[in-house]
Amino acid sequence: ENHHETFKKRFNRTITFAVIGEDLPEIHNKVTIDPEVTDSFGIPSPKIEYALSENSRRMLDHGIGTATQVMKTAGAVEITHDPLKREAGWHLMGTAKMGANEAKSVVNKYGQTHDVDNLFIIDGSIFVTAGAVNPTSTIQALALYIADHIVSKSREFLSQ
């Protein structure tokens, strides 16, 4: 009956909050080689085991509570929450972390692997943890930083 009033009330005053929290390293989350699944070339595929930890769930619940309070303070009349979902996937990070300690990391500060000469990893896997922001700009900056290092040391690398 009140089509225009309903649209004015509901769709002219809508806001969406997305709560994103840091995804800390957890011992139960890992990437291994799948013993059964292979790609089209017969190469074993990665097997990703991931479960949201209780700590991560609490961080997200806290963010949802804060966002709800912000909306109520702003005068929200109706607030809904969607369940945790990955509509477009999350950034895969942390499987080849960067660090100085060879026993606890895969690459050094230049993305060079500790155990394979002249092998560099330049993507999100070298992050120690996944923060609550899009990592693309940081990955690009690291790629430029590492590329500059490779160029500056290219003669040395070629002689190995």
C-alpha atoms as a PDB file:
ATOM      1  CA  GLU A   1       0.000   0.000   0.000  1.00  0.00           C
ATOM      2  CA  ASN A   2       2.696   2.491   0.998  1.00  0.00           C
ATOM      3  CA  HIS A   3       5.254   1.394  -1.563  1.00  0.00           C
ATOM      4  CA  HIS A   4       7.052   4.742  -1.761  1.00  0.00           C
ATOM      5  CA  GLU A   5       7.054   5.253   2.010  1.00  0.00           C
ATOM      6  CA  THR A   6       8.447   1.756   2.549  1.00  0.00           C
ATOM      7  CA  PHE A   7      11.256   2.361   0.047  1.00  0.00           C
ATOM      8  CA  LYS A   8      12.003   5.754   1.582  1.00  0.00           C
ATOM      9  CA  LYS A   9      12.091   4.280   5.081  1.00  0.00           C
ATOM     10  CA  ARG A  10      14.160   1.192   4.275  1.00  0.00           C
ATOM     11  CA  PHE A  11      16.349   1.856   1.259  1.00  0.00           C
ATOM     12  CA  ASN A  12      17.218   5.513   1.556  1.00  0.00           C
ATOM     13  CA  ARG A  13      18.734   5.003   4.990  1.00  0.00           C
ATOM     14  CA  THR A  14      20.794   1.847   4.841  1.00  0.00           C
ATOM     15  CA  ILE A  15      24.342   1.277   6.048  1.00  0.00           C
ATOM     16  CA  THR A  16      26.489  -1.837   6.005  1.00  0.00           C
ATOM     17  CA  PHE A  17      29.372  -2.636   8.324  1.00  0.00           C
ATOM     18  CA  ALA A  18      31.862  -5.385   7.543  1.00  0.00           C
ATOM     19  CA  VAL A  19      33.750  -6.603  10.590  1.00  0.00           C
ATOM     20  CA  ILE A  20      37.245  -7.851   9.791  1.00  0.00           C
ATOM     21  CA  GLY A  21      39.688  -9.024  12.416  1.00  0.00           C
ATOM     22  CA  GLU A  22      43.298 -10.079  12.407  1.00  0.00           C
ATOM     23  CA  ASP A  23      43.568 -13.770  11.600  1.00  0.00           C
ATOM     24  CA  LEU A  24      46.310 -14.905  13.942  1.00  0.00           C
ATOM     25  CA  PRO A  25      48.475 -17.960  13.243  1.00  0.00           C
ATOM     26  CA  GLU A  26      46.919 -21.068  14.769  1.00  0.00           C
ATOM     27  CA  ILE A  27      48.610 -24.464  15.041  1.00  0.00           C
ATOM     28  CA  HIS A  28      45.491 -26.244  13.742  1.00  0.00           C
ATOM     29  CA  ASN A  29      45.441 -24.203  10.508  1.00  0.00           C
ATOM     30  CA  LYS A  30      47.857 -25.546   7.931  1.00  0.00           C
ATOM     31  CA  VAL A  31      48.599 -26.312   4.307  1.00  0.00           C
ATOM     32  CA  THR A  32      49.877 -29.782   3.464  1.00  0.00           C
ATOM     33  CA  ILE A  33      50.178 -31.892   0.337  1.00  0.00           C
ATOM     34  CA  ASP A  34      46.978 -33.797  -0.392  1.00  0.00           C
ATOM     35  CA  PRO A  35      47.837 -37.512  -0.666  1.00  0.00           C
ATOM     36  CA  GLU A  36      44.936 -38.178  -3.046  1.00  0.00           C
ATOM     37  CA  VAL A  37      44.150 -35.075  -5.120  1.00  0.00           C
ATOM     38  CA  THR A  38      46.363 -34.037  -8.047  1.00  0.00           C
ATOM     39  CA  ASP A  39      46.141 -31.312 -10.665  1.00  0.00           C
ATOM     40  CA  SER A  40      45.825 -31.890 -14.424  1.00  0.00           C
ATOM     41  CA  PHE A  41      49.589 -32.582 -14.629  1.00  0.00           C
ATOM     42  CA  GLY A  42      49.504 -35.189 -11.867  1.00  0.00           C
ATOM     43  CA  ILE A  43      51.170 -32.888  -9.342  1.00  0.00           C
ATOM     44  CA  PRO A  44      49.796 -33.299  -5.802  1.00  0.00           C
ATOM     45  CA  SER A  45      47.456 -30.500  -4.788  1.00  0.00           C
ATOM     46  CA  PRO A  46      47.628 -28.484  -1.602  1.00  0.00           C
ATOM     47  CA  LYS A  47      45.252 -29.436   1.176  1.00  0.00           C
ATOM     48  CA  ILE A  48      44.099 -26.466   3.241  1.00  0.00           C
ATOM     49  CA  GLU A  49      42.901 -27.105   6.770  1.00  0.00           C
ATOM     50  CA  TYR A  50      41.342 -24.009   8.333  1.00  0.00           C
ATOM     51  CA  ALA A  51      39.056 -23.494  11.292  1.00  0.00           C
ATOM     52  CA  LEU A  52      38.183 -20.214  12.954  1.00  0.00           C
ATOM     53  CA  SER A  53      39.613 -20.225  16.473  1.00  0.00           C
ATOM     54  CA  GLU A  54      37.698 -19.254  19.591  1.00  0.00           C
ATOM     55  CA  ASN A  55      39.882 -16.127  19.880  1.00  0.00           C
ATOM     56  CA  SER A  56      39.086 -15.080  16.293  1.00  0.00           C
ATOM     57  CA  ARG A  57      35.388 -15.724  16.883  1.00  0.00           C
ATOM     58  CA  ARG A  58      35.503 -13.505  20.002  1.00  0.00           C
ATOM     59  CA  MET A  59      37.254 -10.726  18.029  1.00  0.00           C
ATOM     60  CA  LEU A  60      34.553 -10.858  15.359  1.00  0.00           C
ATOM     61  CA  ASP A  61      31.767 -10.930  17.961  1.00  0.00           C
ATOM     62  CA  HIS A  62      33.321  -7.878  19.648  1.00  0.00           C
ATOM     63  CA  GLY A  63      33.418  -6.064  16.296  1.00  0.00           C
ATOM     64  CA  ILE A  64      29.794  -6.946  15.620  1.00  0.00           C
ATOM     65  CA  GLY A  65      28.830  -5.633  19.063  1.00  0.00           C
ATOM     66  CA  THR A  66      30.701  -2.381  18.473  1.00  0.00           C
ATOM     67  CA  ALA A  67      29.177  -1.927  15.001  1.00  0.00           C
ATOM     68  CA  THR A  68      25.721  -2.593  16.451  1.00  0.00           C
ATOM     69  CA  GLN A  69      26.260   0.046  19.143  1.00  0.00           C
ATOM     70  CA  VAL A  70      27.425   2.574  16.523  1.00  0.00           C
ATOM     71  CA  MET A  71      24.295   1.927  14.465  1.00  0.00           C
ATOM     72  CA  LYS A  72      21.993   2.209  17.501  1.00  0.00           C
ATOM     73  CA  THR A  73      23.676   5.465  18.519  1.00  0.00           C
ATOM     74  CA  ALA A  74      23.148   6.773  14.988  1.00  0.00           C
ATOM     75  CA  GLY A  75      19.432   6.011  15.295  1.00  0.00           C
ATOM     76  CA  ALA A  76      19.138   2.680  13.518  1.00  0.00           C
ATOM     77  CA  VAL A  77      15.651   1.253  13.663  1.00  0.00           C
ATOM     78  CA  GLU A  78      16.368  -2.250  12.395  1.00  0.00           C
ATOM     79  CA  ILE A  79      19.718  -4.062  12.655  1.00  0.00           C
ATOM     80  CA  THR A  80      20.461  -7.461  11.150  1.00  0.00           C
ATOM     81  CA  HIS A  81      23.569  -9.633  11.294  1.00  0.00           C
ATOM     82  CA  ASP A  82      24.648 -12.028   8.579  1.00  0.00           C
ATOM     83  CA  PRO A  83      26.548 -15.153   9.563  1.00  0.00           C
ATOM     84  CA  LEU A  84      30.271 -15.348   8.940  1.00  0.00           C
ATOM     85  CA  LYS A  85      30.770 -15.953   5.241  1.00  0.00           C
ATOM     86  CA  ARG A  86      33.396 -15.718   2.557  1.00  0.00           C
ATOM     87  CA  GLU A  87      31.689 -14.205  -0.452  1.00  0.00           C
ATOM     88  CA  ALA A  88      34.844 -13.704  -2.498  1.00  0.00           C
ATOM     89  CA  GLY A  89      37.439 -15.588  -0.507  1.00  0.00           C
ATOM     90  CA  TRP A  90      39.991 -14.366   1.941  1.00  0.00           C
ATOM     91  CA  HIS A  91      43.607 -13.500   1.296  1.00  0.00           C
ATOM     92  CA  LEU A  92      45.773 -16.577   1.705  1.00  0.00           C
ATOM     93  CA  MET A  93      48.714 -15.575   3.826  1.00  0.00           C
ATOM     94  CA  GLY A  94      51.390 -16.901   6.137  1.00  0.00           C
ATOM     95  CA  THR A  95      52.418 -20.255   4.671  1.00  0.00           C
ATOM     96  CA  ALA A  96      56.044 -19.186   4.032  1.00  0.00           C
ATOM     97  CA  LYS A  97      56.627 -16.607   6.727  1.00  0.00           C
ATOM     98  CA  MET A  98      59.452 -14.087   6.738  1.00  0.00           C
ATOM     99  CA  GLY A  99      61.985 -13.990   9.538  1.00  0.00           C
ATOM    100  CA  ALA A 100      65.635 -14.002  10.536  1.00  0.00           C
ATOM    101  CA  ASN A 101      65.461 -17.307  12.420  1.00  0.00           C
ATOM    102  CA  GLU A 102      65.863 -20.080   9.838  1.00  0.00           C
ATOM    103  CA  ALA A 103      64.285 -22.646  12.160  1.00  0.00           C
ATOM    104  CA  LYS A 104      61.098 -20.593  12.538  1.00  0.00           C
ATOM    105  CA  SER A 105      60.700 -18.996   9.108  1.00  0.00           C
ATOM    106  CA  VAL A 106      60.938 -19.823   5.405  1.00  0.00           C
ATOM    107  CA  VAL A 107      62.383 -16.625   3.902  1.00  0.00           C
ATOM    108  CA  ASN A 108      64.693 -13.818   5.010  1.00  0.00           C
ATOM    109  CA  LYS A 109      63.868 -10.091   4.912  1.00  0.00           C
ATOM    110  CA  TYR A 110      64.378 -10.105   1.137  1.00  0.00           C
ATOM    111  CA  GLY A 111      61.959 -12.970   0.463  1.00  0.00           C
ATOM    112  CA  GLN A 112      64.867 -15.327  -0.251  1.00  0.00           C
ATOM    113  CA  THR A 113      64.350 -18.855   1.029  1.00  0.00           C
ATOM    114  CA  HIS A 114      66.707 -20.018   3.750  1.00  0.00           C
ATOM    115  CA  ASP A 115      67.290 -23.427   2.202  1.00  0.00           C
ATOM    116  CA  VAL A 116      67.200 -23.005  -1.611  1.00  0.00           C
ATOM    117  CA  ASP A 117      69.713 -20.676  -3.287  1.00  0.00           C
ATOM    118  CA  ASN A 118      68.235 -17.955  -5.491  1.00  0.00           C
ATOM    119  CA  LEU A 119      64.616 -18.858  -4.762  1.00  0.00           C
ATOM    120  CA  PHE A 120      62.516 -15.847  -3.788  1.00  0.00           C
ATOM    121  CA  ILE A 121      58.918 -15.830  -2.612  1.00  0.00           C
ATOM    122  CA  ILE A 122      57.091 -12.588  -3.272  1.00  0.00           C
ATOM    123  CA  ASP A 123      53.450 -12.822  -2.248  1.00  0.00           C
ATOM    124  CA  GLY A 124      51.187 -12.815   0.795  1.00  0.00           C
ATOM    125  CA  SER A 125      52.554 -16.105   2.068  1.00  0.00           C
ATOM    126  CA  ILE A 126      55.605 -14.339   3.535  1.00  0.00           C
ATOM    127  CA  PHE A 127      53.423 -12.405   5.998  1.00  0.00           C
ATOM    128  CA  VAL A 128      53.688 -13.616   9.574  1.00  0.00           C
ATOM    129  CA  THR A 129      50.008 -12.898  10.219  1.00  0.00           C
ATOM    130  CA  ALA A 130      47.014 -11.605   8.294  1.00  0.00           C
ATOM    131  CA  GLY A 131      45.942  -8.176   9.475  1.00  0.00           C
ATOM    132  CA  ALA A 132      42.487  -6.683   9.316  1.00  0.00           C
ATOM    133  CA  VAL A 133      43.102  -4.732   6.107  1.00  0.00           C
ATOM    134  CA  ASN A 134      43.540  -5.596   2.448  1.00  0.00           C
ATOM    135  CA  PRO A 135      47.210  -6.621   2.008  1.00  0.00           C
ATOM    136  CA  THR A 136      47.514  -5.841  -1.715  1.00  0.00           C
ATOM    137  CA  SER A 137      49.392  -2.538  -1.374  1.00  0.00           C
ATOM    138  CA  THR A 138      51.807  -4.039   1.141  1.00  0.00           C
ATOM    139  CA  ILE A 139      52.414  -7.043  -1.127  1.00  0.00           C
ATOM    140  CA  GLN A 140      53.133  -4.654  -4.010  1.00  0.00           C
ATOM    141  CA  ALA A 141      55.532  -2.627  -1.857  1.00  0.00           C
ATOM    142  CA  LEU A 142      57.329  -5.795  -0.748  1.00  0.00           C
ATOM    143  CA  ALA A 143      57.544  -6.951  -4.371  1.00  0.00           C
ATOM    144  CA  LEU A 144      59.247  -3.681  -5.355  1.00  0.00           C
ATOM    145  CA  TYR A 145      61.566  -3.855  -2.324  1.00  0.00           C
ATOM    146  CA  ILE A 146      62.543  -7.456  -3.061  1.00  0.00           C
ATOM    147  CA  ALA A 147      62.922  -6.791  -6.803  1.00  0.00           C
ATOM    148  CA  ASP A 148      65.284  -3.887  -6.049  1.00  0.00           C
ATOM    149  CA  HIS A 149      67.329  -6.220  -3.843  1.00  0.00           C
ATOM    150  CA  ILE A 150      67.463  -8.896  -6.552  1.00  0.00           C
ATOM    151  CA  VAL A 151      68.603  -6.356  -9.153  1.00  0.00           C
ATOM    152  CA  SER A 152      71.259  -4.925  -6.829  1.00  0.00           C
ATOM    153  CA  LYS A 153      72.622  -8.416  -6.128  1.00  0.00           C
ATOM    154  CA  SER A 154      72.034  -9.924  -9.587  1.00  0.00           C
ATOM    155  CA  ARG A 155      75.726 -10.422 -10.405  1.00  0.00           C
ATOM    156  CA  GLU A 156      76.256 -12.191  -7.113  1.00  0.00           C
ATOM    157  CA  PHE A 157      73.210 -14.412  -7.654  1.00  0.00           C
ATOM    158  CA  LEU A 158      74.245 -15.295 -11.212  1.00  0.00           C
ATOM    159  CA  SER A 159      77.679 -16.441 -10.064  1.00  0.00           C
ATOM    160  CA  GLN A 160      76.247 -18.998  -7.628  1.00  0.00           C
END
